[in-house]
Amino acid sequence: EGNKIGPALWGVLGRKAGSVSDYKYSKAMEAYEKTWSLEEMNNFLIKPKDWIKGTKMSFAGLKDAKERSALILYMNNNTDTPLPLQ
């Protein structure tokens, strides 16, 4: 589905951060230059504003590791190219 409050998340894992062409990211996200690996997404989801200083994402974060894992697995299953789970 298309962009809404945030960029479309289909295929987000394995994609470079801030790279959806028709979404206006914060300068911090555009400059981040990393790819969304499983580990990178996990760290970001703990507390986005601490992981990427200056992000405009207002989500407070997920402290619970099981909740983060479930969300990351969901995102990994909703892609054309899932990342290996190792």
PDB file of N, CA and C in Angstrom:
ATOM      1  N   GLU A   1       0.843  -1.188   0.000  1.00  0.00           N
ATOM      2  CA  GLU A   1       0.000   0.000   0.000  1.00  0.00           C
ATOM      3  C   GLU A   1       0.880   1.240   0.000  1.00  0.00           C
ATOM      4  N   GLY A   2       0.340   2.351  -0.375  1.00  0.00           N
ATOM      5  CA  GLY A   2       1.102   3.588  -0.518  1.00  0.00           C
ATOM      6  C   GLY A   2       1.492   4.229   0.798  1.00  0.00           C
ATOM      7  N   ASN A   3       2.180   5.336   0.692  1.00  0.00           N
ATOM      8  CA  ASN A   3       2.619   6.104   1.854  1.00  0.00           C
ATOM      9  C   ASN A   3       1.419   6.760   2.524  1.00  0.00           C
ATOM     10  N   LYS A   4       1.475   6.831   3.836  1.00  0.00           N
ATOM     11  CA  LYS A   4       0.438   7.513   4.628  1.00  0.00           C
ATOM     12  C   LYS A   4       1.167   8.471   5.571  1.00  0.00           C
ATOM     13  N   ILE A   5       0.993   8.267   6.889  1.00  0.00           N
ATOM     14  CA  ILE A   5       1.721   9.070   7.878  1.00  0.00           C
ATOM     15  C   ILE A   5       3.215   8.811   7.735  1.00  0.00           C
ATOM     16  N   GLY A   6       3.563   7.572   7.414  1.00  0.00           N
ATOM     17  CA  GLY A   6       4.951   7.193   7.171  1.00  0.00           C
ATOM     18  C   GLY A   6       5.068   6.560   5.799  1.00  0.00           C
ATOM     19  N   PRO A   7       6.280   6.185   5.424  1.00  0.00           N
ATOM     20  CA  PRO A   7       6.469   5.545   4.121  1.00  0.00           C
ATOM     21  C   PRO A   7       5.887   4.132   4.138  1.00  0.00           C
ATOM     22  N   ALA A   8       5.520   3.622   2.983  1.00  0.00           N
ATOM     23  CA  ALA A   8       5.032   2.247   2.880  1.00  0.00           C
ATOM     24  C   ALA A   8       6.109   1.301   3.402  1.00  0.00           C
ATOM     25  N   LEU A   9       5.699   0.302   4.182  1.00  0.00           N
ATOM     26  CA  LEU A   9       6.665  -0.593   4.814  1.00  0.00           C
ATOM     27  C   LEU A   9       6.841  -1.913   4.074  1.00  0.00           C
ATOM     28  N   TRP A  10       6.119  -2.135   2.972  1.00  0.00           N
ATOM     29  CA  TRP A  10       6.318  -3.359   2.200  1.00  0.00           C
ATOM     30  C   TRP A  10       7.771  -3.401   1.734  1.00  0.00           C
ATOM     31  N   GLY A  11       8.481  -4.446   2.098  1.00  0.00           N
ATOM     32  CA  GLY A  11       9.861  -4.596   1.666  1.00  0.00           C
ATOM     33  C   GLY A  11      10.852  -3.698   2.380  1.00  0.00           C
ATOM     34  N   VAL A  12      10.502  -3.193   3.560  1.00  0.00           N
ATOM     35  CA  VAL A  12      11.394  -2.263   4.263  1.00  0.00           C
ATOM     36  C   VAL A  12      12.703  -2.926   4.685  1.00  0.00           C
ATOM     37  N   LEU A  13      12.635  -4.184   5.148  1.00  0.00           N
ATOM     38  CA  LEU A  13      13.863  -4.859   5.565  1.00  0.00           C
ATOM     39  C   LEU A  13      14.706  -5.167   4.335  1.00  0.00           C
ATOM     40  N   GLY A  14      15.972  -4.809   4.397  1.00  0.00           N
ATOM     41  CA  GLY A  14      16.874  -4.967   3.272  1.00  0.00           C
ATOM     42  C   GLY A  14      16.949  -3.718   2.401  1.00  0.00           C
ATOM     43  N   ARG A  15      16.110  -2.729   2.701  1.00  0.00           N
ATOM     44  CA  ARG A  15      16.078  -1.478   1.939  1.00  0.00           C
ATOM     45  C   ARG A  15      16.891  -0.418   2.690  1.00  0.00           C
ATOM     46  N   LYS A  16      17.493   0.497   1.957  1.00  0.00           N
ATOM     47  CA  LYS A  16      18.230   1.594   2.577  1.00  0.00           C
ATOM     48  C   LYS A  16      17.250   2.510   3.312  1.00  0.00           C
ATOM     49  N   ALA A  17      17.603   2.942   4.497  1.00  0.00           N
ATOM     50  CA  ALA A  17      16.772   3.865   5.274  1.00  0.00           C
ATOM     51  C   ALA A  17      16.574   5.161   4.498  1.00  0.00           C
ATOM     52  N   GLY A  18      15.357   5.695   4.558  1.00  0.00           N
ATOM     53  CA  GLY A  18      15.069   6.978   3.919  1.00  0.00           C
ATOM     54  C   GLY A  18      15.105   6.952   2.413  1.00  0.00           C
ATOM     55  N   SER A  19      14.765   5.812   1.800  1.00  0.00           N
ATOM     56  CA  SER A  19      14.954   5.692   0.357  1.00  0.00           C
ATOM     57  C   SER A  19      13.678   5.588  -0.484  1.00  0.00           C
ATOM     58  N   VAL A  20      12.496   5.662   0.120  1.00  0.00           N
ATOM     59  CA  VAL A  20      11.270   5.655  -0.679  1.00  0.00           C
ATOM     60  C   VAL A  20      11.176   7.008  -1.373  1.00  0.00           C
ATOM     61  N   SER A  21      11.144   7.004  -2.691  1.00  0.00           N
ATOM     62  CA  SER A  21      11.300   8.238  -3.453  1.00  0.00           C
ATOM     63  C   SER A  21      10.169   9.245  -3.280  1.00  0.00           C
ATOM     64  N   ASP A  22       8.957   8.787  -3.028  1.00  0.00           N
ATOM     65  CA  ASP A  22       7.832   9.729  -2.956  1.00  0.00           C
ATOM     66  C   ASP A  22       7.360   9.982  -1.520  1.00  0.00           C
ATOM     67  N   TYR A  23       8.281   9.899  -0.549  1.00  0.00           N
ATOM     68  CA  TYR A  23       7.962  10.212   0.840  1.00  0.00           C
ATOM     69  C   TYR A  23       8.955  11.256   1.339  1.00  0.00           C
ATOM     70  N   LYS A  24       8.455  12.243   2.089  1.00  0.00           N
ATOM     71  CA  LYS A  24       9.318  13.306   2.624  1.00  0.00           C
ATOM     72  C   LYS A  24       9.826  12.893   4.008  1.00  0.00           C
ATOM     73  N   TYR A  25      11.043  12.434   4.058  1.00  0.00           N
ATOM     74  CA  TYR A  25      11.677  12.013   5.305  1.00  0.00           C
ATOM     75  C   TYR A  25      12.285  13.217   6.029  1.00  0.00           C
ATOM     76  N   SER A  26      12.587  13.010   7.308  1.00  0.00           N
ATOM     77  CA  SER A  26      13.364  14.011   8.046  1.00  0.00           C
ATOM     78  C   SER A  26      14.778  14.018   7.471  1.00  0.00           C
ATOM     79  N   LYS A  27      15.481  15.115   7.668  1.00  0.00           N
ATOM     80  CA  LYS A  27      16.870  15.203   7.200  1.00  0.00           C
ATOM     81  C   LYS A  27      17.717  14.119   7.860  1.00  0.00           C
ATOM     82  N   ALA A  28      17.417  13.806   9.124  1.00  0.00           N
ATOM     83  CA  ALA A  28      18.175  12.778   9.847  1.00  0.00           C
ATOM     84  C   ALA A  28      18.007  11.410   9.192  1.00  0.00           C
ATOM     85  N   MET A  29      16.786  11.064   8.785  1.00  0.00           N
ATOM     86  CA  MET A  29      16.552   9.766   8.155  1.00  0.00           C
ATOM     87  C   MET A  29      17.175   9.725   6.767  1.00  0.00           C
ATOM     88  N   GLU A  30      17.073  10.807   6.020  1.00  0.00           N
ATOM     89  CA  GLU A  30      17.687  10.850   4.685  1.00  0.00           C
ATOM     90  C   GLU A  30      19.202  10.689   4.767  1.00  0.00           C
ATOM     91  N   ALA A  31      19.807  11.208   5.818  1.00  0.00           N
ATOM     92  CA  ALA A  31      21.261  11.168   5.967  1.00  0.00           C
ATOM     93  C   ALA A  31      21.755   9.881   6.620  1.00  0.00           C
ATOM     94  N   TYR A  32      20.861   9.030   7.082  1.00  0.00           N
ATOM     95  CA  TYR A  32      21.250   7.871   7.894  1.00  0.00           C
ATOM     96  C   TYR A  32      22.139   6.882   7.145  1.00  0.00           C
ATOM     97  N   GLU A  33      21.856   6.613   5.873  1.00  0.00           N
ATOM     98  CA  GLU A  33      22.741   5.821   5.009  1.00  0.00           C
ATOM     99  C   GLU A  33      22.883   4.347   5.372  1.00  0.00           C
ATOM    100  N   LYS A  34      22.081   3.819   6.268  1.00  0.00           N
ATOM    101  CA  LYS A  34      22.190   2.394   6.612  1.00  0.00           C
ATOM    102  C   LYS A  34      21.036   1.627   5.983  1.00  0.00           C
ATOM    103  N   THR A  35      21.226   0.328   5.870  1.00  0.00           N
ATOM    104  CA  THR A  35      20.185  -0.565   5.357  1.00  0.00           C
ATOM    105  C   THR A  35      19.451  -1.176   6.537  1.00  0.00           C
ATOM    106  N   TRP A  36      18.146  -1.350   6.384  1.00  0.00           N
ATOM    107  CA  TRP A  36      17.330  -1.940   7.449  1.00  0.00           C
ATOM    108  C   TRP A  36      17.579  -3.437   7.538  1.00  0.00           C
ATOM    109  N   SER A  37      18.557  -3.830   8.327  1.00  0.00           N
ATOM    110  CA  SER A  37      18.800  -5.234   8.653  1.00  0.00           C
ATOM    111  C   SER A  37      17.871  -5.598   9.816  1.00  0.00           C
ATOM    112  N   LEU A  38      17.830  -6.867  10.172  1.00  0.00           N
ATOM    113  CA  LEU A  38      17.023  -7.282  11.327  1.00  0.00           C
ATOM    114  C   LEU A  38      17.525  -6.588  12.591  1.00  0.00           C
ATOM    115  N   GLU A  39      18.835  -6.555  12.773  1.00  0.00           N
ATOM    116  CA  GLU A  39      19.424  -5.931  13.963  1.00  0.00           C
ATOM    117  C   GLU A  39      19.183  -4.418  13.974  1.00  0.00           C
ATOM    118  N   GLU A  40      19.365  -3.792  12.827  1.00  0.00           N
ATOM    119  CA  GLU A  40      19.166  -2.337  12.732  1.00  0.00           C
ATOM    120  C   GLU A  40      17.723  -1.977  13.070  1.00  0.00           C
ATOM    121  N   MET A  41      16.765  -2.729  12.528  1.00  0.00           N
ATOM    122  CA  MET A  41      15.352  -2.464  12.809  1.00  0.00           C
ATOM    123  C   MET A  41      15.043  -2.683  14.279  1.00  0.00           C
ATOM    124  N   ASN A  42      15.599  -3.742  14.871  1.00  0.00           N
ATOM    125  CA  ASN A  42      15.388  -4.006  16.286  1.00  0.00           C
ATOM    126  C   ASN A  42      15.861  -2.826  17.125  1.00  0.00           C
ATOM    127  N   ASN A  43      17.056  -2.351  16.880  1.00  0.00           N
ATOM    128  CA  ASN A  43      17.603  -1.227  17.648  1.00  0.00           C
ATOM    129  C   ASN A  43      16.781   0.043  17.450  1.00  0.00           C
ATOM    130  N   PHE A  44      16.355   0.294  16.228  1.00  0.00           N
ATOM    131  CA  PHE A  44      15.525   1.470  15.935  1.00  0.00           C
ATOM    132  C   PHE A  44      14.203   1.402  16.682  1.00  0.00           C
ATOM    133  N   LEU A  45      13.584   0.228  16.692  1.00  0.00           N
ATOM    134  CA  LEU A  45      12.258   0.094  17.307  1.00  0.00           C
ATOM    135  C   LEU A  45      12.271   0.209  18.823  1.00  0.00           C
ATOM    136  N   ILE A  46      13.412   0.025  19.452  1.00  0.00           N
ATOM    137  CA  ILE A  46      13.485   0.197  20.912  1.00  0.00           C
ATOM    138  C   ILE A  46      13.080   1.628  21.265  1.00  0.00           C
ATOM    139  N   LYS A  47      13.676   2.592  20.599  1.00  0.00           N
ATOM    140  CA  LYS A  47      13.332   4.003  20.802  1.00  0.00           C
ATOM    141  C   LYS A  47      13.862   4.789  19.610  1.00  0.00           C
ATOM    142  N   PRO A  48      13.023   4.978  18.577  1.00  0.00           N
ATOM    143  CA  PRO A  48      13.474   5.599  17.330  1.00  0.00           C
ATOM    144  C   PRO A  48      14.223   6.915  17.503  1.00  0.00           C
ATOM    145  N   LYS A  49      13.753   7.787  18.376  1.00  0.00           N
ATOM    146  CA  LYS A  49      14.380   9.105  18.527  1.00  0.00           C
ATOM    147  C   LYS A  49      15.769   9.030  19.153  1.00  0.00           C
ATOM    148  N   ASP A  50      16.059   7.948  19.870  1.00  0.00           N
ATOM    149  CA  ASP A  50      17.410   7.756  20.409  1.00  0.00           C
ATOM    150  C   ASP A  50      18.334   7.131  19.372  1.00  0.00           C
ATOM    151  N   TRP A  51      17.786   6.264  18.502  1.00  0.00           N
ATOM    152  CA  TRP A  51      18.616   5.560  17.532  1.00  0.00           C
ATOM    153  C   TRP A  51      19.002   6.470  16.361  1.00  0.00           C
ATOM    154  N   ILE A  52      18.037   7.253  15.877  1.00  0.00           N
ATOM    155  CA  ILE A  52      18.314   8.200  14.795  1.00  0.00           C
ATOM    156  C   ILE A  52      17.923   9.585  15.303  1.00  0.00           C
ATOM    157  N   LYS A  53      18.906  10.280  15.852  1.00  0.00           N
ATOM    158  CA  LYS A  53      18.664  11.617  16.408  1.00  0.00           C
ATOM    159  C   LYS A  53      18.135  12.544  15.319  1.00  0.00           C
ATOM    160  N   GLY A  54      16.990  13.171  15.593  1.00  0.00           N
ATOM    161  CA  GLY A  54      16.396  14.096  14.638  1.00  0.00           C
ATOM    162  C   GLY A  54      15.324  13.486  13.751  1.00  0.00           C
ATOM    163  N   THR A  55      15.019  12.183  13.932  1.00  0.00           N
ATOM    164  CA  THR A  55      13.947  11.583  13.146  1.00  0.00           C
ATOM    165  C   THR A  55      12.625  12.249  13.510  1.00  0.00           C
ATOM    166  N   LYS A  56      11.736  12.376  12.541  1.00  0.00           N
ATOM    167  CA  LYS A  56      10.428  12.965  12.826  1.00  0.00           C
ATOM    168  C   LYS A  56       9.409  11.892  13.235  1.00  0.00           C
ATOM    169  N   MET A  57       9.847  10.631  13.294  1.00  0.00           N
ATOM    170  CA  MET A  57       8.946   9.555  13.697  1.00  0.00           C
ATOM    171  C   MET A  57       8.536   9.764  15.152  1.00  0.00           C
ATOM    172  N   SER A  58       7.231   9.848  15.384  1.00  0.00           N
ATOM    173  CA  SER A  58       6.744  10.154  16.731  1.00  0.00           C
ATOM    174  C   SER A  58       6.497   8.901  17.573  1.00  0.00           C
ATOM    175  N   PHE A  59       6.709   7.727  17.025  1.00  0.00           N
ATOM    176  CA  PHE A  59       6.506   6.468  17.739  1.00  0.00           C
ATOM    177  C   PHE A  59       7.467   6.385  18.919  1.00  0.00           C
ATOM    178  N   ALA A  60       6.947   6.101  20.124  1.00  0.00           N
ATOM    179  CA  ALA A  60       7.770   6.081  21.333  1.00  0.00           C
ATOM    180  C   ALA A  60       8.743   4.914  21.362  1.00  0.00           C
ATOM    181  N   GLY A  61       8.363   3.789  20.754  1.00  0.00           N
ATOM    182  CA  GLY A  61       9.228   2.615  20.733  1.00  0.00           C
ATOM    183  C   GLY A  61       8.581   1.421  21.402  1.00  0.00           C
ATOM    184  N   LEU A  62       9.214   0.270  21.245  1.00  0.00           N
ATOM    185  CA  LEU A  62       8.750  -0.980  21.847  1.00  0.00           C
ATOM    186  C   LEU A  62       9.846  -1.510  22.757  1.00  0.00           C
ATOM    187  N   LYS A  63       9.623  -1.475  24.044  1.00  0.00           N
ATOM    188  CA  LYS A  63      10.620  -1.962  24.998  1.00  0.00           C
ATOM    189  C   LYS A  63      10.648  -3.486  25.053  1.00  0.00           C
ATOM    190  N   ASP A  64       9.505  -4.134  24.827  1.00  0.00           N
ATOM    191  CA  ASP A  64       9.383  -5.582  24.952  1.00  0.00           C
ATOM    192  C   ASP A  64      10.014  -6.295  23.743  1.00  0.00           C
ATOM    193  N   ALA A  65      11.023  -7.114  24.006  1.00  0.00           N
ATOM    194  CA  ALA A  65      11.755  -7.802  22.932  1.00  0.00           C
ATOM    195  C   ALA A  65      10.843  -8.726  22.123  1.00  0.00           C
ATOM    196  N   LYS A  66       9.884  -9.387  22.775  1.00  0.00           N
ATOM    197  CA  LYS A  66       8.970 -10.288  22.054  1.00  0.00           C
ATOM    198  C   LYS A  66       8.083  -9.498  21.094  1.00  0.00           C
ATOM    199  N   GLU A  67       7.624  -8.329  21.517  1.00  0.00           N
ATOM    200  CA  GLU A  67       6.810  -7.486  20.636  1.00  0.00           C
ATOM    201  C   GLU A  67       7.632  -6.996  19.442  1.00  0.00           C
ATOM    202  N   ARG A  68       8.880  -6.595  19.693  1.00  0.00           N
ATOM    203  CA  ARG A  68       9.743  -6.165  18.588  1.00  0.00           C
ATOM    204  C   ARG A  68       9.992  -7.316  17.621  1.00  0.00           C
ATOM    205  N   SER A  69      10.260  -8.498  18.162  1.00  0.00           N
ATOM    206  CA  SER A  69      10.504  -9.673  17.307  1.00  0.00           C
ATOM    207  C   SER A  69       9.294  -9.980  16.449  1.00  0.00           C
ATOM    208  N   ALA A  70       8.101  -9.937  17.039  1.00  0.00           N
ATOM    209  CA  ALA A  70       6.878 -10.217  16.287  1.00  0.00           C
ATOM    210  C   ALA A  70       6.684  -9.201  15.166  1.00  0.00           C
ATOM    211  N   LEU A  71       6.932  -7.945  15.460  1.00  0.00           N
ATOM    212  CA  LEU A  71       6.788  -6.897  14.448  1.00  0.00           C
ATOM    213  C   LEU A  71       7.813  -7.064  13.324  1.00  0.00           C
ATOM    214  N   ILE A  72       9.044  -7.355  13.684  1.00  0.00           N
ATOM    215  CA  ILE A  72      10.095  -7.535  12.683  1.00  0.00           C
ATOM    216  C   ILE A  72       9.808  -8.760  11.822  1.00  0.00           C
ATOM    217  N   LEU A  73       9.362  -9.854  12.417  1.00  0.00           N
ATOM    218  CA  LEU A  73       8.995 -11.042  11.636  1.00  0.00           C
ATOM    219  C   LEU A  73       7.850 -10.729  10.681  1.00  0.00           C
ATOM    220  N   TYR A  74       6.873  -9.962  11.151  1.00  0.00           N
ATOM    221  CA  TYR A  74       5.755  -9.553  10.299  1.00  0.00           C
ATOM    222  C   TYR A  74       6.266  -8.742   9.104  1.00  0.00           C
ATOM    223  N   MET A  75       7.134  -7.778   9.384  1.00  0.00           N
ATOM    224  CA  MET A  75       7.685  -6.971   8.288  1.00  0.00           C
ATOM    225  C   MET A  75       8.509  -7.834   7.336  1.00  0.00           C
ATOM    226  N   ASN A  76       9.251  -8.793   7.881  1.00  0.00           N
ATOM    227  CA  ASN A  76      10.083  -9.650   7.048  1.00  0.00           C
ATOM    228  C   ASN A  76       9.235 -10.581   6.170  1.00  0.00           C
ATOM    229  N   ASN A  77       8.070 -10.949   6.642  1.00  0.00           N
ATOM    230  CA  ASN A  77       7.174 -11.797   5.855  1.00  0.00           C
ATOM    231  C   ASN A  77       6.422 -11.007   4.790  1.00  0.00           C
ATOM    232  N   ASN A  78       6.363  -9.690   4.944  1.00  0.00           N
ATOM    233  CA  ASN A  78       5.634  -8.846   3.991  1.00  0.00           C
ATOM    234  C   ASN A  78       6.608  -8.135   3.062  1.00  0.00           C
ATOM    235  N   THR A  79       7.215  -8.939   2.230  1.00  0.00           N
ATOM    236  CA  THR A  79       8.207  -8.467   1.272  1.00  0.00           C
ATOM    237  C   THR A  79       8.332  -9.487   0.163  1.00  0.00           C
ATOM    238  N   ASP A  80       8.895  -9.073  -0.929  1.00  0.00           N
ATOM    239  CA  ASP A  80       9.180 -10.013  -2.008  1.00  0.00           C
ATOM    240  C   ASP A  80      10.485 -10.758  -1.765  1.00  0.00           C
ATOM    241  N   THR A  81      11.336 -10.222  -0.889  1.00  0.00           N
ATOM    242  CA  THR A  81      12.650 -10.816  -0.632  1.00  0.00           C
ATOM    243  C   THR A  81      12.950 -10.821   0.873  1.00  0.00           C
ATOM    244  N   PRO A  82      12.381 -11.774   1.637  1.00  0.00           N
ATOM    245  CA  PRO A  82      12.630 -11.815   3.071  1.00  0.00           C
ATOM    246  C   PRO A  82      14.126 -12.043   3.388  1.00  0.00           C
ATOM    247  N   LEU A  83      14.565 -11.418   4.468  1.00  0.00           N
ATOM    248  CA  LEU A  83      15.946 -11.607   4.922  1.00  0.00           C
ATOM    249  C   LEU A  83      16.063 -12.957   5.626  1.00  0.00           C
ATOM    250  N   PRO A  84      17.224 -13.612   5.558  1.00  0.00           N
ATOM    251  CA  PRO A  84      17.412 -14.858   6.291  1.00  0.00           C
ATOM    252  C   PRO A  84      17.361 -14.596   7.803  1.00  0.00           C
ATOM    253  N   LEU A  85      16.727 -15.477   8.523  1.00  0.00           N
ATOM    254  CA  LEU A  85      16.569 -15.309   9.978  1.00  0.00           C
ATOM    255  C   LEU A  85      17.664 -16.061  10.711  1.00  0.00           C
ATOM    256  N   GLN A  86      18.834 -15.470  10.794  1.00  0.00           N
ATOM    257  CA  GLN A  86      19.954 -16.111  11.482  1.00  0.00           C
ATOM    258  C   GLN A  86      20.532 -15.223  12.525  1.00  0.00           C
TER     259      GLN A  86
END
